[in-house]
Amino acid sequence: MTVSNPTAPVTLTLDAPLRARSSVSPLSDPTARQRLLLQAATLNEQARVAATGGDLETSARAILVALDCERRAGGLGLQVLQLIKPRP
């Protein structure tokens, strides 16, 4: 997202096109988890390159974003824990 001149009226430009709503929930989208894990792997590689180059701040930020991607990927998919009932 980019914002034009701050003194003029705000104009926003979205970098990615908006997707039309579909009947598929993001939790059941089979490719969403794969995309997040691929993004995490890419960010980990960027972090490694930045750390090798001595840019520790950029490396640390990339690691944090990669960890967030991994966390979100772990929450996707079917959730069966709600189906397990404790024994009386």
PDB file of N, CA and C in Angstrom:
ATOM      1  N   MET A   1       0.852  -1.151   0.000  1.00  0.00           N
ATOM      2  CA  MET A   1       0.000   0.000   0.000  1.00  0.00           C
ATOM      3  C   MET A   1       0.904   1.220   0.000  1.00  0.00           C
ATOM      4  N   THR A   2       0.594   2.175  -0.829  1.00  0.00           N
ATOM      5  CA  THR A   2       1.352   3.416  -0.849  1.00  0.00           C
ATOM      6  C   THR A   2       0.404   4.574  -0.624  1.00  0.00           C
ATOM      7  N   VAL A   3       0.891   5.602   0.034  1.00  0.00           N
ATOM      8  CA  VAL A   3       0.089   6.786   0.313  1.00  0.00           C
ATOM      9  C   VAL A   3       0.744   7.949  -0.386  1.00  0.00           C
ATOM     10  N   SER A   4      -0.076   8.777  -1.079  1.00  0.00           N
ATOM     11  CA  SER A   4       0.468   9.925  -1.784  1.00  0.00           C
ATOM     12  C   SER A   4       0.803  11.042  -0.802  1.00  0.00           C
ATOM     13  N   ASN A   5       1.005  12.225  -1.287  1.00  0.00           N
ATOM     14  CA  ASN A   5       1.398  13.393  -0.525  1.00  0.00           C
ATOM     15  C   ASN A   5       0.584  13.524   0.768  1.00  0.00           C
ATOM     16  N   PRO A   6       1.253  13.648   1.942  1.00  0.00           N
ATOM     17  CA  PRO A   6       0.508  13.704   3.201  1.00  0.00           C
ATOM     18  C   PRO A   6      -0.321  14.970   3.385  1.00  0.00           C
ATOM     19  N   THR A   7      -0.013  16.059   2.678  1.00  0.00           N
ATOM     20  CA  THR A   7      -0.794  17.287   2.836  1.00  0.00           C
ATOM     21  C   THR A   7      -2.020  17.304   1.934  1.00  0.00           C
ATOM     22  N   ALA A   8      -2.042  16.480   0.908  1.00  0.00           N
ATOM     23  CA  ALA A   8      -3.180  16.403  -0.005  1.00  0.00           C
ATOM     24  C   ALA A   8      -4.154  15.359   0.525  1.00  0.00           C
ATOM     25  N   PRO A   9      -5.344  15.278  -0.055  1.00  0.00           N
ATOM     26  CA  PRO A   9      -6.260  14.210   0.345  1.00  0.00           C
ATOM     27  C   PRO A   9      -5.584  12.853   0.164  1.00  0.00           C
ATOM     28  N   VAL A  10      -5.899  11.938   1.043  1.00  0.00           N
ATOM     29  CA  VAL A  10      -5.249  10.639   1.051  1.00  0.00           C
ATOM     30  C   VAL A  10      -5.699   9.809  -0.147  1.00  0.00           C
ATOM     31  N   THR A  11      -4.720   9.267  -0.870  1.00  0.00           N
ATOM     32  CA  THR A  11      -4.981   8.369  -1.977  1.00  0.00           C
ATOM     33  C   THR A  11      -4.241   7.079  -1.704  1.00  0.00           C
ATOM     34  N   LEU A  12      -4.951   5.988  -1.665  1.00  0.00           N
ATOM     35  CA  LEU A  12      -4.339   4.696  -1.393  1.00  0.00           C
ATOM     36  C   LEU A  12      -4.255   3.879  -2.663  1.00  0.00           C
ATOM     37  N   THR A  13      -3.146   3.190  -2.841  1.00  0.00           N
ATOM     38  CA  THR A  13      -2.972   2.264  -3.941  1.00  0.00           C
ATOM     39  C   THR A  13      -2.625   0.917  -3.345  1.00  0.00           C
ATOM     40  N   LEU A  14      -3.450  -0.083  -3.587  1.00  0.00           N
ATOM     41  CA  LEU A  14      -3.192  -1.409  -3.061  1.00  0.00           C
ATOM     42  C   LEU A  14      -2.244  -2.144  -3.988  1.00  0.00           C
ATOM     43  N   ASP A  15      -1.237  -2.787  -3.407  1.00  0.00           N
ATOM     44  CA  ASP A  15      -0.270  -3.519  -4.202  1.00  0.00           C
ATOM     45  C   ASP A  15      -0.855  -4.803  -4.768  1.00  0.00           C
ATOM     46  N   ALA A  16      -1.701  -5.469  -4.016  1.00  0.00           N
ATOM     47  CA  ALA A  16      -2.306  -6.716  -4.471  1.00  0.00           C
ATOM     48  C   ALA A  16      -3.782  -6.473  -4.757  1.00  0.00           C
ATOM     49  N   PRO A  17      -4.302  -7.055  -5.829  1.00  0.00           N
ATOM     50  CA  PRO A  17      -5.729  -6.873  -6.114  1.00  0.00           C
ATOM     51  C   PRO A  17      -6.576  -7.582  -5.063  1.00  0.00           C
ATOM     52  N   LEU A  18      -7.730  -7.017  -4.806  1.00  0.00           N
ATOM     53  CA  LEU A  18      -8.646  -7.628  -3.853  1.00  0.00           C
ATOM     54  C   LEU A  18      -9.238  -8.883  -4.468  1.00  0.00           C
ATOM     55  N   ARG A  19      -9.328  -9.941  -3.675  1.00  0.00           N
ATOM     56  CA  ARG A  19      -9.911 -11.177  -4.171  1.00  0.00           C
ATOM     57  C   ARG A  19     -11.412 -11.155  -3.923  1.00  0.00           C
ATOM     58  N   ALA A  20     -12.123 -11.702  -4.856  1.00  0.00           N
ATOM     59  CA  ALA A  20     -13.567 -11.808  -4.683  1.00  0.00           C
ATOM     60  C   ALA A  20     -13.855 -12.818  -3.587  1.00  0.00           C
ATOM     61  N   ARG A  21     -14.927 -12.580  -2.862  1.00  0.00           N
ATOM     62  CA  ARG A  21     -15.299 -13.528  -1.807  1.00  0.00           C
ATOM     63  C   ARG A  21     -15.714 -14.843  -2.445  1.00  0.00           C
ATOM     64  N   SER A  22     -15.241 -15.893  -1.844  1.00  0.00           N
ATOM     65  CA  SER A  22     -15.653 -17.207  -2.311  1.00  0.00           C
ATOM     66  C   SER A  22     -16.306 -17.943  -1.147  1.00  0.00           C
ATOM     67  N   SER A  23     -16.874 -19.085  -1.452  1.00  0.00           N
ATOM     68  CA  SER A  23     -17.531 -19.846  -0.405  1.00  0.00           C
ATOM     69  C   SER A  23     -16.534 -20.653   0.419  1.00  0.00           C
ATOM     70  N   VAL A  24     -15.253 -20.642   0.030  1.00  0.00           N
ATOM     71  CA  VAL A  24     -14.230 -21.403   0.739  1.00  0.00           C
ATOM     72  C   VAL A  24     -13.706 -20.568   1.896  1.00  0.00           C
ATOM     73  N   SER A  25     -13.775 -21.106   3.077  1.00  0.00           N
ATOM     74  CA  SER A  25     -13.252 -20.437   4.257  1.00  0.00           C
ATOM     75  C   SER A  25     -11.735 -20.434   4.195  1.00  0.00           C
ATOM     76  N   PRO A  26     -11.073 -19.339   4.646  1.00  0.00           N
ATOM     77  CA  PRO A  26      -9.616 -19.332   4.656  1.00  0.00           C
ATOM     78  C   PRO A  26      -9.047 -20.453   5.532  1.00  0.00           C
ATOM     79  N   LEU A  27      -9.828 -20.912   6.506  1.00  0.00           N
ATOM     80  CA  LEU A  27      -9.351 -21.992   7.362  1.00  0.00           C
ATOM     81  C   LEU A  27      -9.310 -23.324   6.633  1.00  0.00           C
ATOM     82  N   SER A  28     -10.139 -23.479   5.594  1.00  0.00           N
ATOM     83  CA  SER A  28     -10.163 -24.745   4.877  1.00  0.00           C
ATOM     84  C   SER A  28      -9.473 -24.643   3.519  1.00  0.00           C
ATOM     85  N   ASP A  29      -8.878 -23.501   3.198  1.00  0.00           N
ATOM     86  CA  ASP A  29      -8.162 -23.333   1.939  1.00  0.00           C
ATOM     87  C   ASP A  29      -6.887 -24.165   1.994  1.00  0.00           C
ATOM     88  N   PRO A  30      -6.774 -25.194   1.148  1.00  0.00           N
ATOM     89  CA  PRO A  30      -5.612 -26.081   1.242  1.00  0.00           C
ATOM     90  C   PRO A  30      -4.299 -25.417   0.856  1.00  0.00           C
ATOM     91  N   THR A  31      -4.348 -24.367   0.065  1.00  0.00           N
ATOM     92  CA  THR A  31      -3.103 -23.731  -0.361  1.00  0.00           C
ATOM     93  C   THR A  31      -2.661 -22.620   0.582  1.00  0.00           C
ATOM     94  N   ALA A  32      -3.543 -22.163   1.465  1.00  0.00           N
ATOM     95  CA  ALA A  32      -3.189 -21.067   2.373  1.00  0.00           C
ATOM     96  C   ALA A  32      -2.039 -21.468   3.290  1.00  0.00           C
ATOM     97  N   ARG A  33      -2.099 -22.678   3.829  1.00  0.00           N
ATOM     98  CA  ARG A  33      -1.040 -23.159   4.721  1.00  0.00           C
ATOM     99  C   ARG A  33       0.282 -23.279   3.968  1.00  0.00           C
ATOM    100  N   GLN A  34       0.221 -23.809   2.751  1.00  0.00           N
ATOM    101  CA  GLN A  34       1.428 -23.959   1.943  1.00  0.00           C
ATOM    102  C   GLN A  34       2.038 -22.609   1.603  1.00  0.00           C
ATOM    103  N   ARG A  35       1.182 -21.628   1.294  1.00  0.00           N
ATOM    104  CA  ARG A  35       1.693 -20.281   0.976  1.00  0.00           C
ATOM    105  C   ARG A  35       2.382 -19.669   2.181  1.00  0.00           C
ATOM    106  N   LEU A  36       1.783 -19.818   3.356  1.00  0.00           N
ATOM    107  CA  LEU A  36       2.387 -19.260   4.570  1.00  0.00           C
ATOM    108  C   LEU A  36       3.723 -19.928   4.884  1.00  0.00           C
ATOM    109  N   LEU A  37       3.798 -21.244   4.715  1.00  0.00           N
ATOM    110  CA  LEU A  37       5.054 -21.941   4.982  1.00  0.00           C
ATOM    111  C   LEU A  37       6.125 -21.566   3.957  1.00  0.00           C
ATOM    112  N   LEU A  38       5.727 -21.363   2.706  1.00  0.00           N
ATOM    113  CA  LEU A  38       6.679 -20.924   1.684  1.00  0.00           C
ATOM    114  C   LEU A  38       7.172 -19.516   1.986  1.00  0.00           C
ATOM    115  N   GLN A  39       6.257 -18.646   2.412  1.00  0.00           N
ATOM    116  CA  GLN A  39       6.644 -17.282   2.786  1.00  0.00           C
ATOM    117  C   GLN A  39       7.602 -17.310   3.975  1.00  0.00           C
ATOM    118  N   ALA A  40       7.354 -18.181   4.939  1.00  0.00           N
ATOM    119  CA  ALA A  40       8.242 -18.303   6.100  1.00  0.00           C
ATOM    120  C   ALA A  40       9.631 -18.771   5.669  1.00  0.00           C
ATOM    121  N   ALA A  41       9.689 -19.737   4.765  1.00  0.00           N
ATOM    122  CA  ALA A  41      10.984 -20.221   4.279  1.00  0.00           C
ATOM    123  C   ALA A  41      11.744 -19.127   3.537  1.00  0.00           C
ATOM    124  N   THR A  42      11.023 -18.344   2.739  1.00  0.00           N
ATOM    125  CA  THR A  42      11.649 -17.235   2.020  1.00  0.00           C
ATOM    126  C   THR A  42      12.186 -16.190   2.992  1.00  0.00           C
ATOM    127  N   LEU A  43      11.399 -15.877   4.008  1.00  0.00           N
ATOM    128  CA  LEU A  43      11.842 -14.902   5.009  1.00  0.00           C
ATOM    129  C   LEU A  43      13.038 -15.413   5.808  1.00  0.00           C
ATOM    130  N   ASN A  44      13.065 -16.706   6.102  1.00  0.00           N
ATOM    131  CA  ASN A  44      14.212 -17.277   6.808  1.00  0.00           C
ATOM    132  C   ASN A  44      15.482 -17.146   5.965  1.00  0.00           C
ATOM    133  N   GLU A  45      15.356 -17.366   4.664  1.00  0.00           N
ATOM    134  CA  GLU A  45      16.513 -17.209   3.773  1.00  0.00           C
ATOM    135  C   GLU A  45      16.959 -15.749   3.722  1.00  0.00           C
ATOM    136  N   GLN A  46      15.999 -14.824   3.649  1.00  0.00           N
ATOM    137  CA  GLN A  46      16.337 -13.392   3.662  1.00  0.00           C
ATOM    138  C   GLN A  46      17.028 -13.019   4.966  1.00  0.00           C
ATOM    139  N   ALA A  47      16.583 -13.593   6.069  1.00  0.00           N
ATOM    140  CA  ALA A  47      17.195 -13.329   7.373  1.00  0.00           C
ATOM    141  C   ALA A  47      18.623 -13.845   7.401  1.00  0.00           C
ATOM    142  N   ARG A  48      18.837 -15.027   6.835  1.00  0.00           N
ATOM    143  CA  ARG A  48      20.185 -15.590   6.795  1.00  0.00           C
ATOM    144  C   ARG A  48      21.132 -14.713   5.988  1.00  0.00           C
ATOM    145  N   VAL A  49      20.665 -14.254   4.831  1.00  0.00           N
ATOM    146  CA  VAL A  49      21.481 -13.393   3.971  1.00  0.00           C
ATOM    147  C   VAL A  49      21.775 -12.068   4.671  1.00  0.00           C
ATOM    148  N   ALA A  50      20.777 -11.493   5.303  1.00  0.00           N
ATOM    149  CA  ALA A  50      20.967 -10.218   6.012  1.00  0.00           C
ATOM    150  C   ALA A  50      21.949 -10.381   7.167  1.00  0.00           C
ATOM    151  N   ALA A  51      21.838 -11.480   7.912  1.00  0.00           N
ATOM    152  CA  ALA A  51      22.744 -11.711   9.037  1.00  0.00           C
ATOM    153  C   ALA A  51      24.173 -11.923   8.542  1.00  0.00           C
ATOM    154  N   THR A  52      24.321 -12.642   7.442  1.00  0.00           N
ATOM    155  CA  THR A  52      25.648 -12.855   6.869  1.00  0.00           C
ATOM    156  C   THR A  52      26.260 -11.536   6.428  1.00  0.00           C
ATOM    157  N   GLY A  53      25.409 -10.633   5.939  1.00  0.00           N
ATOM    158  CA  GLY A  53      25.877  -9.318   5.512  1.00  0.00           C
ATOM    159  C   GLY A  53      26.065  -8.336   6.662  1.00  0.00           C
ATOM    160  N   GLY A  54      25.743  -8.741   7.874  1.00  0.00           N
ATOM    161  CA  GLY A  54      25.937  -7.888   9.039  1.00  0.00           C
ATOM    162  C   GLY A  54      24.750  -7.022   9.408  1.00  0.00           C
ATOM    163  N   ASP A  55      23.654  -7.142   8.682  1.00  0.00           N
ATOM    164  CA  ASP A  55      22.454  -6.340   8.976  1.00  0.00           C
ATOM    165  C   ASP A  55      21.569  -7.125   9.943  1.00  0.00           C
ATOM    166  N   LEU A  56      21.890  -7.039  11.221  1.00  0.00           N
ATOM    167  CA  LEU A  56      21.191  -7.837  12.224  1.00  0.00           C
ATOM    168  C   LEU A  56      19.761  -7.375  12.453  1.00  0.00           C
ATOM    169  N   GLU A  57      19.501  -6.080  12.313  1.00  0.00           N
ATOM    170  CA  GLU A  57      18.137  -5.579  12.524  1.00  0.00           C
ATOM    171  C   GLU A  57      17.187  -6.128  11.467  1.00  0.00           C
ATOM    172  N   THR A  58      17.610  -6.096  10.208  1.00  0.00           N
ATOM    173  CA  THR A  58      16.779  -6.633   9.134  1.00  0.00           C
ATOM    174  C   THR A  58      16.597  -8.132   9.309  1.00  0.00           C
ATOM    175  N   SER A  59      17.659  -8.812   9.718  1.00  0.00           N
ATOM    176  CA  SER A  59      17.591 -10.246   9.954  1.00  0.00           C
ATOM    177  C   SER A  59      16.590 -10.565  11.058  1.00  0.00           C
ATOM    178  N   ALA A  60      16.643  -9.823  12.137  1.00  0.00           N
ATOM    179  CA  ALA A  60      15.734 -10.062  13.262  1.00  0.00           C
ATOM    180  C   ALA A  60      14.285  -9.820  12.863  1.00  0.00           C
ATOM    181  N   ARG A  61      14.035  -8.763  12.094  1.00  0.00           N
ATOM    182  CA  ARG A  61      12.667  -8.489  11.648  1.00  0.00           C
ATOM    183  C   ARG A  61      12.143  -9.601  10.745  1.00  0.00           C
ATOM    184  N   ALA A  62      12.989 -10.089   9.846  1.00  0.00           N
ATOM    185  CA  ALA A  62      12.575 -11.169   8.947  1.00  0.00           C
ATOM    186  C   ALA A  62      12.270 -12.437   9.738  1.00  0.00           C
ATOM    187  N   ILE A  63      13.057 -12.714  10.770  1.00  0.00           N
ATOM    188  CA  ILE A  63      12.811 -13.894  11.602  1.00  0.00           C
ATOM    189  C   ILE A  63      11.474 -13.772  12.322  1.00  0.00           C
ATOM    190  N   LEU A  64      11.174 -12.590  12.845  1.00  0.00           N
ATOM    191  CA  LEU A  64       9.899 -12.402  13.548  1.00  0.00           C
ATOM    192  C   LEU A  64       8.707 -12.577  12.615  1.00  0.00           C
ATOM    193  N   VAL A  65       8.812 -12.053  11.402  1.00  0.00           N
ATOM    194  CA  VAL A  65       7.715 -12.207  10.442  1.00  0.00           C
ATOM    195  C   VAL A  65       7.586 -13.670  10.031  1.00  0.00           C
ATOM    196  N   ALA A  66       8.720 -14.364   9.861  1.00  0.00           N
ATOM    197  CA  ALA A  66       8.687 -15.780   9.498  1.00  0.00           C
ATOM    198  C   ALA A  66       8.026 -16.601  10.609  1.00  0.00           C
ATOM    199  N   LEU A  67       8.345 -16.298  11.852  1.00  0.00           N
ATOM    200  CA  LEU A  67       7.714 -17.003  12.969  1.00  0.00           C
ATOM    201  C   LEU A  67       6.213 -16.757  13.003  1.00  0.00           C
ATOM    202  N   ASP A  68       5.796 -15.541  12.667  1.00  0.00           N
ATOM    203  CA  ASP A  68       4.369 -15.234  12.618  1.00  0.00           C
ATOM    204  C   ASP A  68       3.690 -16.044  11.512  1.00  0.00           C
ATOM    205  N   CYS A  69       4.351 -16.163  10.361  1.00  0.00           N
ATOM    206  CA  CYS A  69       3.798 -16.967   9.261  1.00  0.00           C
ATOM    207  C   CYS A  69       3.648 -18.421   9.686  1.00  0.00           C
ATOM    208  N   GLU A  70       4.659 -18.954  10.370  1.00  0.00           N
ATOM    209  CA  GLU A  70       4.590 -20.333  10.837  1.00  0.00           C
ATOM    210  C   GLU A  70       3.475 -20.518  11.857  1.00  0.00           C
ATOM    211  N   ARG A  71       3.295 -19.520  12.731  1.00  0.00           N
ATOM    212  CA  ARG A  71       2.224 -19.592  13.732  1.00  0.00           C
ATOM    213  C   ARG A  71       0.858 -19.606  13.052  1.00  0.00           C
ATOM    214  N   ARG A  72       0.688 -18.718  12.068  1.00  0.00           N
ATOM    215  CA  ARG A  72      -0.596 -18.667  11.363  1.00  0.00           C
ATOM    216  C   ARG A  72      -0.847 -19.936  10.557  1.00  0.00           C
ATOM    217  N   ALA A  73       0.204 -20.510   9.967  1.00  0.00           N
ATOM    218  CA  ALA A  73       0.056 -21.748   9.199  1.00  0.00           C
ATOM    219  C   ALA A  73      -0.358 -22.891  10.115  1.00  0.00           C
ATOM    220  N   GLY A  74       0.146 -22.895  11.333  1.00  0.00           N
ATOM    221  CA  GLY A  74      -0.211 -23.945  12.284  1.00  0.00           C
ATOM    222  C   GLY A  74      -1.663 -23.895  12.692  1.00  0.00           C
ATOM    223  N   GLY A  75      -2.286 -22.745  12.603  1.00  0.00           N
ATOM    224  CA  GLY A  75      -3.688 -22.597  12.984  1.00  0.00           C
ATOM    225  C   GLY A  75      -4.658 -22.902  11.868  1.00  0.00           C
ATOM    226  N   LEU A  76      -4.144 -23.149  10.661  1.00  0.00           N
ATOM    227  CA  LEU A  76      -5.029 -23.440   9.528  1.00  0.00           C
ATOM    228  C   LEU A  76      -5.306 -24.931   9.433  1.00  0.00           C
ATOM    229  N   GLY A  77      -6.368 -25.257   8.767  1.00  0.00           N
ATOM    230  CA  GLY A  77      -6.721 -26.658   8.584  1.00  0.00           C
ATOM    231  C   GLY A  77      -7.852 -27.056   9.518  1.00  0.00           C
ATOM    232  N   LEU A  78      -8.163 -28.309   9.471  1.00  0.00           N
ATOM    233  CA  LEU A  78      -9.256 -28.805  10.293  1.00  0.00           C
ATOM    234  C   LEU A  78      -8.857 -28.823  11.759  1.00  0.00           C
ATOM    235  N   GLN A  79      -9.763 -28.436  12.581  1.00  0.00           N
ATOM    236  CA  GLN A  79      -9.535 -28.416  14.020  1.00  0.00           C
ATOM    237  C   GLN A  79     -10.384 -29.518  14.631  1.00  0.00           C
ATOM    238  N   VAL A  80      -9.755 -30.607  15.029  1.00  0.00           N
ATOM    239  CA  VAL A  80     -10.499 -31.739  15.555  1.00  0.00           C
ATOM    240  C   VAL A  80     -10.506 -31.777  17.077  1.00  0.00           C
ATOM    241  N   LEU A  81      -9.790 -30.901  17.711  1.00  0.00           N
ATOM    242  CA  LEU A  81      -9.728 -30.922  19.172  1.00  0.00           C
ATOM    243  C   LEU A  81     -11.090 -30.669  19.805  1.00  0.00           C
ATOM    244  N   GLN A  82     -11.942 -29.909  19.130  1.00  0.00           N
ATOM    245  CA  GLN A  82     -13.259 -29.634  19.687  1.00  0.00           C
ATOM    246  C   GLN A  82     -14.147 -30.883  19.681  1.00  0.00           C
ATOM    247  N   LEU A  83     -13.789 -31.886  18.900  1.00  0.00           N
ATOM    248  CA  LEU A  83     -14.592 -33.092  18.802  1.00  0.00           C
ATOM    249  C   LEU A  83     -14.266 -34.094  19.891  1.00  0.00           C
ATOM    250  N   ILE A  84     -13.134 -33.953  20.521  1.00  0.00           N
ATOM    251  CA  ILE A  84     -12.720 -34.895  21.555  1.00  0.00           C
ATOM    252  C   ILE A  84     -13.401 -34.504  22.859  1.00  0.00           C
ATOM    253  N   LYS A  85     -14.146 -35.423  23.405  1.00  0.00           N
ATOM    254  CA  LYS A  85     -14.869 -35.142  24.649  1.00  0.00           C
ATOM    255  C   LYS A  85     -14.174 -35.845  25.812  1.00  0.00           C
ATOM    256  N   PRO A  86     -14.027 -35.157  26.931  1.00  0.00           N
ATOM    257  CA  PRO A  86     -13.402 -35.814  28.082  1.00  0.00           C
ATOM    258  C   PRO A  86     -14.302 -36.889  28.652  1.00  0.00           C
ATOM    259  N   ARG A  87     -13.700 -37.912  29.225  1.00  0.00           N
ATOM    260  CA  ARG A  87     -14.481 -38.986  29.860  1.00  0.00           C
ATOM    261  C   ARG A  87     -14.937 -38.527  31.234  1.00  0.00           C
ATOM    262  N   PRO A  88     -16.152 -38.922  31.622  1.00  0.00           N
ATOM    263  CA  PRO A  88     -16.640 -38.519  32.933  1.00  0.00           C
ATOM    264  C   PRO A  88     -15.924 -39.210  34.079  1.00  0.00           C
TER     265      PRO A  88
END
